[in-house]
Amino acid sequence: MTQHDPTRRTNRQRDSRKQERRQERHTDNASLRDAVRAIGAGDIEQWQQEDGDE
């Protein structure tokens, strides 16, 4: 019989939550890019570059 390792379980849960958050950020960023394009403001990457010029 094998013993359960609580550390392994905790690490798996942590990794799962990290992956979920990563996917949520990806989806949110895609939505933001689409909204910026929809209002005709160009690409968000251009905004990030211009922000440092002011």
PDB file of N, CA and C in Angstrom:
ATOM      1  N   MET A   1       0.831  -1.171   0.000  1.00  0.00           N
ATOM      2  CA  MET A   1       0.000   0.000   0.000  1.00  0.00           C
ATOM      3  C   MET A   1       0.885   1.247   0.000  1.00  0.00           C
ATOM      4  N   THR A   2       0.520   2.227  -0.830  1.00  0.00           N
ATOM      5  CA  THR A   2       1.324   3.452  -0.890  1.00  0.00           C
ATOM      6  C   THR A   2       0.729   4.515   0.021  1.00  0.00           C
ATOM      7  N   GLN A   3       1.605   5.330   0.544  1.00  0.00           N
ATOM      8  CA  GLN A   3       1.144   6.430   1.389  1.00  0.00           C
ATOM      9  C   GLN A   3       0.867   7.657   0.520  1.00  0.00           C
ATOM     10  N   HIS A   4      -0.088   8.439   0.940  1.00  0.00           N
ATOM     11  CA  HIS A   4      -0.403   9.662   0.215  1.00  0.00           C
ATOM     12  C   HIS A   4       0.521  10.774   0.680  1.00  0.00           C
ATOM     13  N   ASP A   5       1.024  11.502  -0.258  1.00  0.00           N
ATOM     14  CA  ASP A   5       1.932  12.597   0.045  1.00  0.00           C
ATOM     15  C   ASP A   5       1.156  13.916  -0.046  1.00  0.00           C
ATOM     16  N   PRO A   6       0.857  14.546   1.083  1.00  0.00           N
ATOM     17  CA  PRO A   6       0.075  15.787   1.054  1.00  0.00           C
ATOM     18  C   PRO A   6       0.771  16.916   0.290  1.00  0.00           C
ATOM     19  N   THR A   7       2.085  16.896   0.267  1.00  0.00           N
ATOM     20  CA  THR A   7       2.823  17.931  -0.462  1.00  0.00           C
ATOM     21  C   THR A   7       2.566  17.811  -1.958  1.00  0.00           C
ATOM     22  N   ARG A   8       2.565  16.608  -2.467  1.00  0.00           N
ATOM     23  CA  ARG A   8       2.295  16.398  -3.893  1.00  0.00           C
ATOM     24  C   ARG A   8       0.899  16.885  -4.254  1.00  0.00           C
ATOM     25  N   ARG A   9      -0.057  16.577  -3.396  1.00  0.00           N
ATOM     26  CA  ARG A   9      -1.431  17.001  -3.658  1.00  0.00           C
ATOM     27  C   ARG A   9      -1.529  18.518  -3.656  1.00  0.00           C
ATOM     28  N   THR A  10      -0.897  19.146  -2.677  1.00  0.00           N
ATOM     29  CA  THR A  10      -0.903  20.605  -2.582  1.00  0.00           C
ATOM     30  C   THR A  10      -0.260  21.215  -3.820  1.00  0.00           C
ATOM     31  N   ASN A  11       0.847  20.653  -4.254  1.00  0.00           N
ATOM     32  CA  ASN A  11       1.529  21.170  -5.449  1.00  0.00           C
ATOM     33  C   ASN A  11       0.662  21.024  -6.688  1.00  0.00           C
ATOM     34  N   ARG A  12      -0.031  19.900  -6.818  1.00  0.00           N
ATOM     35  CA  ARG A  12      -0.922  19.708  -7.967  1.00  0.00           C
ATOM     36  C   ARG A  12      -2.048  20.731  -7.953  1.00  0.00           C
ATOM     37  N   GLN A  13      -2.613  20.971  -6.773  1.00  0.00           N
ATOM     38  CA  GLN A  13      -3.691  21.952  -6.666  1.00  0.00           C
ATOM     39  C   GLN A  13      -3.183  23.356  -6.997  1.00  0.00           C
ATOM     40  N   ARG A  14      -2.012  23.685  -6.509  1.00  0.00           N
ATOM     41  CA  ARG A  14      -1.414  24.994  -6.776  1.00  0.00           C
ATOM     42  C   ARG A  14      -1.162  25.157  -8.278  1.00  0.00           C
ATOM     43  N   ASP A  15      -0.609  24.133  -8.911  1.00  0.00           N
ATOM     44  CA  ASP A  15      -0.346  24.189 -10.346  1.00  0.00           C
ATOM     45  C   ASP A  15      -1.637  24.332 -11.139  1.00  0.00           C
ATOM     46  N   SER A  16      -2.669  23.649 -10.688  1.00  0.00           N
ATOM     47  CA  SER A  16      -3.964  23.729 -11.352  1.00  0.00           C
ATOM     48  C   SER A  16      -4.525  25.150 -11.260  1.00  0.00           C
ATOM     49  N   ARG A  17      -4.433  25.755 -10.090  1.00  0.00           N
ATOM     50  CA  ARG A  17      -4.918  27.132  -9.922  1.00  0.00           C
ATOM     51  C   ARG A  17      -4.099  28.110 -10.759  1.00  0.00           C
ATOM     52  N   LYS A  18      -2.785  27.895 -10.825  1.00  0.00           N
ATOM     53  CA  LYS A  18      -1.934  28.763 -11.651  1.00  0.00           C
ATOM     54  C   LYS A  18      -2.356  28.678 -13.114  1.00  0.00           C
ATOM     55  N   GLN A  19      -2.605  27.462 -13.577  1.00  0.00           N
ATOM     56  CA  GLN A  19      -3.018  27.272 -14.966  1.00  0.00           C
ATOM     57  C   GLN A  19      -4.370  27.948 -15.229  1.00  0.00           C
ATOM     58  N   GLU A  20      -5.291  27.853 -14.286  1.00  0.00           N
ATOM     59  CA  GLU A  20      -6.593  28.502 -14.439  1.00  0.00           C
ATOM     60  C   GLU A  20      -6.438  30.016 -14.532  1.00  0.00           C
ATOM     61  N   ARG A  21      -5.633  30.599 -13.660  1.00  0.00           N
ATOM     62  CA  ARG A  21      -5.410  32.048 -13.687  1.00  0.00           C
ATOM     63  C   ARG A  21      -4.731  32.475 -14.982  1.00  0.00           C
ATOM     64  N   ARG A  22      -3.778  31.673 -15.439  1.00  0.00           N
ATOM     65  CA  ARG A  22      -3.089  31.981 -16.691  1.00  0.00           C
ATOM     66  C   ARG A  22      -4.078  32.003 -17.850  1.00  0.00           C
ATOM     67  N   GLN A  23      -4.980  31.027 -17.881  1.00  0.00           N
ATOM     68  CA  GLN A  23      -5.984  30.971 -18.939  1.00  0.00           C
ATOM     69  C   GLN A  23      -6.943  32.161 -18.840  1.00  0.00           C
ATOM     70  N   GLU A  24      -7.336  32.534 -17.628  1.00  0.00           N
ATOM     71  CA  GLU A  24      -8.221  33.690 -17.448  1.00  0.00           C
ATOM     72  C   GLU A  24      -7.559  34.973 -17.943  1.00  0.00           C
ATOM     73  N   ARG A  25      -6.268  35.152 -17.621  1.00  0.00           N
ATOM     74  CA  ARG A  25      -5.554  36.340 -18.095  1.00  0.00           C
ATOM     75  C   ARG A  25      -5.483  36.360 -19.612  1.00  0.00           C
ATOM     76  N   HIS A  26      -5.226  35.217 -20.204  1.00  0.00           N
ATOM     77  CA  HIS A  26      -5.149  35.116 -21.655  1.00  0.00           C
ATOM     78  C   HIS A  26      -6.482  35.542 -22.285  1.00  0.00           C
ATOM     79  N   THR A  27      -7.579  35.037 -21.737  1.00  0.00           N
ATOM     80  CA  THR A  27      -8.909  35.366 -22.241  1.00  0.00           C
ATOM     81  C   THR A  27      -9.209  36.851 -22.045  1.00  0.00           C
ATOM     82  N   ASP A  28      -8.883  37.375 -20.857  1.00  0.00           N
ATOM     83  CA  ASP A  28      -9.118  38.792 -20.582  1.00  0.00           C
ATOM     84  C   ASP A  28      -8.306  39.683 -21.514  1.00  0.00           C
ATOM     85  N   ASN A  29      -7.056  39.329 -21.742  1.00  0.00           N
ATOM     86  CA  ASN A  29      -6.205  40.127 -22.626  1.00  0.00           C
ATOM     87  C   ASN A  29      -6.729  40.108 -24.056  1.00  0.00           C
ATOM     88  N   ALA A  30      -7.200  38.961 -24.509  1.00  0.00           N
ATOM     89  CA  ALA A  30      -7.755  38.863 -25.854  1.00  0.00           C
ATOM     90  C   ALA A  30      -9.007  39.735 -25.974  1.00  0.00           C
ATOM     91  N   SER A  31      -9.833  39.735 -24.954  1.00  0.00           N
ATOM     92  CA  SER A  31     -11.038  40.566 -24.956  1.00  0.00           C
ATOM     93  C   SER A  31     -10.672  42.049 -24.988  1.00  0.00           C
ATOM     94  N   LEU A  32      -9.662  42.424 -24.231  1.00  0.00           N
ATOM     95  CA  LEU A  32      -9.214  43.810 -24.212  1.00  0.00           C
ATOM     96  C   LEU A  32      -8.683  44.232 -25.575  1.00  0.00           C
ATOM     97  N   ARG A  33      -7.875  43.384 -26.203  1.00  0.00           N
ATOM     98  CA  ARG A  33      -7.358  43.704 -27.536  1.00  0.00           C
ATOM     99  C   ARG A  33      -8.490  43.877 -28.529  1.00  0.00           C
ATOM    100  N   ASP A  34      -9.492  43.015 -28.468  1.00  0.00           N
ATOM    101  CA  ASP A  34     -10.635  43.112 -29.376  1.00  0.00           C
ATOM    102  C   ASP A  34     -11.407  44.404 -29.152  1.00  0.00           C
ATOM    103  N   ALA A  35     -11.579  44.801 -27.892  1.00  0.00           N
ATOM    104  CA  ALA A  35     -12.305  46.033 -27.581  1.00  0.00           C
ATOM    105  C   ALA A  35     -11.545  47.251 -28.096  1.00  0.00           C
ATOM    106  N   VAL A  36     -10.226  47.262 -27.916  1.00  0.00           N
ATOM    107  CA  VAL A  36      -9.405  48.382 -28.389  1.00  0.00           C
ATOM    108  C   VAL A  36      -9.497  48.491 -29.905  1.00  0.00           C
ATOM    109  N   ARG A  37      -9.432  47.370 -30.591  1.00  0.00           N
ATOM    110  CA  ARG A  37      -9.546  47.386 -32.051  1.00  0.00           C
ATOM    111  C   ARG A  37     -10.942  47.828 -32.481  1.00  0.00           C
ATOM    112  N   ALA A  38     -11.966  47.399 -31.750  1.00  0.00           N
ATOM    113  CA  ALA A  38     -13.347  47.712 -32.120  1.00  0.00           C
ATOM    114  C   ALA A  38     -13.627  49.210 -32.062  1.00  0.00           C
ATOM    115  N   ILE A  39     -12.979  49.923 -31.148  1.00  0.00           N
ATOM    116  CA  ILE A  39     -13.213  51.364 -31.074  1.00  0.00           C
ATOM    117  C   ILE A  39     -12.279  52.131 -32.001  1.00  0.00           C
ATOM    118  N   GLY A  40     -11.450  51.411 -32.738  1.00  0.00           N
ATOM    119  CA  GLY A  40     -10.578  52.042 -33.721  1.00  0.00           C
ATOM    120  C   GLY A  40      -9.358  52.700 -33.116  1.00  0.00           C
ATOM    121  N   ALA A  41      -8.921  52.224 -31.980  1.00  0.00           N
ATOM    122  CA  ALA A  41      -7.790  52.843 -31.292  1.00  0.00           C
ATOM    123  C   ALA A  41      -6.470  52.153 -31.596  1.00  0.00           C
ATOM    124  N   GLY A  42      -6.425  51.303 -32.586  1.00  0.00           N
ATOM    125  CA  GLY A  42      -5.194  50.615 -32.932  1.00  0.00           C
ATOM    126  C   GLY A  42      -4.963  49.392 -32.069  1.00  0.00           C
ATOM    127  N   ASP A  43      -3.732  48.972 -32.002  1.00  0.00           N
ATOM    128  CA  ASP A  43      -3.372  47.801 -31.209  1.00  0.00           C
ATOM    129  C   ASP A  43      -2.882  48.242 -29.837  1.00  0.00           C
ATOM    130  N   ILE A  44      -3.179  47.450 -28.840  1.00  0.00           N
ATOM    131  CA  ILE A  44      -2.787  47.787 -27.465  1.00  0.00           C
ATOM    132  C   ILE A  44      -1.259  47.847 -27.327  1.00  0.00           C
ATOM    133  N   GLU A  45      -0.542  47.086 -28.147  1.00  0.00           N
ATOM    134  CA  GLU A  45       0.914  47.118 -28.089  1.00  0.00           C
ATOM    135  C   GLU A  45       1.437  48.508 -28.435  1.00  0.00           C
ATOM    136  N   GLN A  46       0.769  49.212 -29.357  1.00  0.00           N
ATOM    137  CA  GLN A  46       1.173  50.577 -29.702  1.00  0.00           C
ATOM    138  C   GLN A  46       0.968  51.510 -28.519  1.00  0.00           C
ATOM    139  N   TRP A  47      -0.100  51.320 -27.769  1.00  0.00           N
ATOM    140  CA  TRP A  47      -0.375  52.149 -26.600  1.00  0.00           C
ATOM    141  C   TRP A  47       0.731  51.975 -25.575  1.00  0.00           C
ATOM    142  N   GLN A  48       1.160  50.754 -25.383  1.00  0.00           N
ATOM    143  CA  GLN A  48       2.187  50.478 -24.381  1.00  0.00           C
ATOM    144  C   GLN A  48       3.507  51.160 -24.766  1.00  0.00           C
ATOM    145  N   GLN A  49       3.816  51.177 -26.037  1.00  0.00           N
ATOM    146  CA  GLN A  49       5.057  51.806 -26.494  1.00  0.00           C
ATOM    147  C   GLN A  49       4.958  53.331 -26.374  1.00  0.00           C
ATOM    148  N   GLU A  50       3.810  53.899 -26.702  1.00  0.00           N
ATOM    149  CA  GLU A  50       3.624  55.348 -26.671  1.00  0.00           C
ATOM    150  C   GLU A  50       3.599  55.879 -25.255  1.00  0.00           C
ATOM    151  N   ASP A  51       3.188  55.068 -24.300  1.00  0.00           N
ATOM    152  CA  ASP A  51       3.048  55.513 -22.909  1.00  0.00           C
ATOM    153  C   ASP A  51       4.373  56.025 -22.355  1.00  0.00           C
ATOM    154  N   GLY A  52       5.469  55.445 -22.759  1.00  0.00           N
ATOM    155  CA  GLY A  52       6.774  55.863 -22.275  1.00  0.00           C
ATOM    156  C   GLY A  52       7.286  57.139 -22.921  1.00  0.00           C
ATOM    157  N   ASP A  53       6.684  57.545 -24.029  1.00  0.00           N
ATOM    158  CA  ASP A  53       7.141  58.725 -24.772  1.00  0.00           C
ATOM    159  C   ASP A  53       6.676  60.033 -24.157  1.00  0.00           C
ATOM    160  N   GLU A  54       5.636  59.996 -23.336  1.00  0.00           N
ATOM    161  CA  GLU A  54       5.061  61.243 -22.815  1.00  0.00           C
ATOM    162  C   GLU A  54       5.890  61.832 -21.701  1.00  0.00           C
TER     163      GLU A  54
END
